[in-house]
Amino acid sequence: MMTLKKSWGIILTIIGFIFKEDILWAFGASKHTISYALDYLSIYLIGTIFVLVSLGMNSFINSQGFAKVGMMTVLIGAVLNIVLDPLFIFVLHMNVKGAAIATVISQ
């Protein structure tokens, strides 16, 4: 099961990198935001495998009857992202790339 998730993560990452600019234009990026969106998506795509494993494992935890544990894993990730975003964006001056890194780490 885990190998299948990794395979899909790799496939989605490759497809994402190939079509990332087209996808962003389709979702409404403008000439003013495309460079920021490309920076964010490029970093986020690198973390796709981690995101898929995280989502899959959380569903597995919930289905085993441990809803509180599943809820806590989501809550920890959300709080971690809230803490890391301003740290990376403003303190470390990483801008949108910092937000993307914070999101991947939080997953």
Protein backbone atom coordinates (compact mmCIF):
# COMPACT_ATOMS: atom_id res chain seq x y z
CA MET A 1 0.00 0.00 0.00
CA MET A 2 2.77 2.43 0.92
CA THR A 3 4.60 1.68 -2.35
CA LEU A 4 1.47 2.57 -4.30
CA LYS A 5 1.24 5.93 -2.53
CA LYS A 6 4.89 6.64 -3.27
CA SER A 7 4.37 5.71 -6.90
CA TRP A 8 1.40 8.06 -7.20
CA GLY A 9 3.38 10.75 -5.44
CA ILE A 10 6.20 10.41 -7.95
CA ILE A 11 3.78 10.35 -10.89
CA LEU A 12 1.90 13.43 -9.62
CA THR A 13 5.18 15.23 -9.02
CA ILE A 14 6.41 14.55 -12.55
CA ILE A 15 3.09 15.56 -14.12
CA GLY A 16 2.98 18.64 -11.91
CA PHE A 17 6.46 19.74 -12.97
CA ILE A 18 5.69 19.18 -16.64
CA PHE A 19 2.39 21.07 -16.62
CA LYS A 20 2.81 23.42 -13.63
CA GLU A 21 2.65 26.68 -15.58
CA ASP A 22 -0.36 25.55 -17.62
CA ILE A 23 -2.11 24.40 -14.45
CA LEU A 24 -1.49 27.73 -12.74
CA TRP A 25 -2.79 29.71 -15.72
CA ALA A 26 -5.88 27.47 -15.80
CA PHE A 27 -6.50 28.16 -12.10
CA GLY A 28 -6.37 31.91 -12.61
CA ALA A 29 -2.77 33.04 -12.21
CA SER A 30 -2.07 36.42 -13.73
CA LYS A 31 1.08 37.92 -15.18
CA HIS A 32 1.60 39.58 -11.78
CA THR A 33 1.25 36.40 -9.71
CA ILE A 34 2.64 33.66 -11.96
CA SER A 35 6.23 33.96 -10.72
CA TYR A 36 5.10 33.64 -7.07
CA ALA A 37 2.80 30.75 -7.93
CA LEU A 38 5.57 28.94 -9.82
CA ASP A 39 7.95 29.35 -6.86
CA TYR A 40 5.35 28.01 -4.42
CA LEU A 41 4.20 25.13 -6.60
CA SER A 42 7.75 24.03 -7.45
CA ILE A 43 8.59 23.60 -3.77
CA TYR A 44 5.22 22.09 -2.92
CA LEU A 45 5.56 19.52 -5.72
CA ILE A 46 8.84 18.32 -4.20
CA GLY A 47 6.87 17.56 -1.03
CA THR A 48 4.01 15.79 -2.83
CA ILE A 49 5.14 12.36 -1.64
CA PHE A 50 5.14 13.53 1.98
CA VAL A 51 1.74 15.15 1.61
CA LEU A 52 0.21 11.98 0.16
CA VAL A 53 1.73 9.78 2.84
CA SER A 54 0.51 12.17 5.52
CA LEU A 55 -3.03 12.22 4.15
CA GLY A 56 -3.07 8.46 3.68
CA MET A 57 -1.74 7.70 7.13
CA ASN A 58 -4.23 10.08 8.72
CA SER A 59 -7.12 8.30 7.01
CA PHE A 60 -5.71 4.99 8.20
CA ILE A 61 -5.51 6.28 11.79
CA ASN A 62 -9.11 7.51 11.64
CA SER A 63 -10.40 4.27 10.16
CA GLN A 64 -8.81 2.30 13.00
CA GLY A 65 -11.02 4.17 15.46
CA PHE A 66 -8.48 6.70 16.68
CA ALA A 67 -10.31 9.85 15.64
CA LYS A 68 -8.71 11.97 18.38
CA VAL A 69 -5.23 10.96 17.27
CA GLY A 70 -6.15 11.71 13.66
CA MET A 71 -7.53 15.09 14.68
CA MET A 72 -4.40 15.87 16.68
CA THR A 73 -2.12 15.07 13.74
CA VAL A 74 -4.04 17.54 11.58
CA LEU A 75 -4.04 20.13 14.38
CA ILE A 76 -0.29 19.77 14.98
CA GLY A 77 0.39 20.23 11.27
CA ALA A 78 -1.86 23.30 11.09
CA VAL A 79 -0.30 24.93 14.17
CA LEU A 80 3.20 24.13 12.93
CA ASN A 81 2.37 25.76 9.60
CA ILE A 82 1.00 28.85 11.37
CA VAL A 83 4.23 29.14 13.39
CA LEU A 84 6.64 28.41 10.53
CA ASP A 85 5.00 30.68 7.91
CA PRO A 86 5.89 34.02 9.55
CA LEU A 87 9.27 32.65 10.62
CA PHE A 88 10.27 31.68 7.09
CA ILE A 89 8.52 34.56 5.30
CA PHE A 90 9.44 37.52 7.51
CA VAL A 91 12.32 36.50 9.80
CA LEU A 92 14.29 34.48 7.26
CA HIS A 93 13.10 36.68 4.33
CA MET A 94 12.20 33.68 2.16
CA ASN A 95 8.90 35.20 0.96
CA VAL A 96 6.57 32.81 -0.89
CA LYS A 97 9.25 30.11 -1.05
CA GLY A 98 9.31 30.16 2.75
CA ALA A 99 5.55 29.65 2.86
CA ALA A 100 5.89 26.63 0.59
CA ILE A 101 8.71 25.15 2.66
CA ALA A 102 6.67 25.70 5.85
CA THR A 103 3.70 23.90 4.30
CA VAL A 104 5.79 20.90 3.23
CA ILE A 105 7.50 20.66 6.62
CA SER A 106 4.14 20.90 8.38
CA GLN A 107 2.81 17.95 6.43
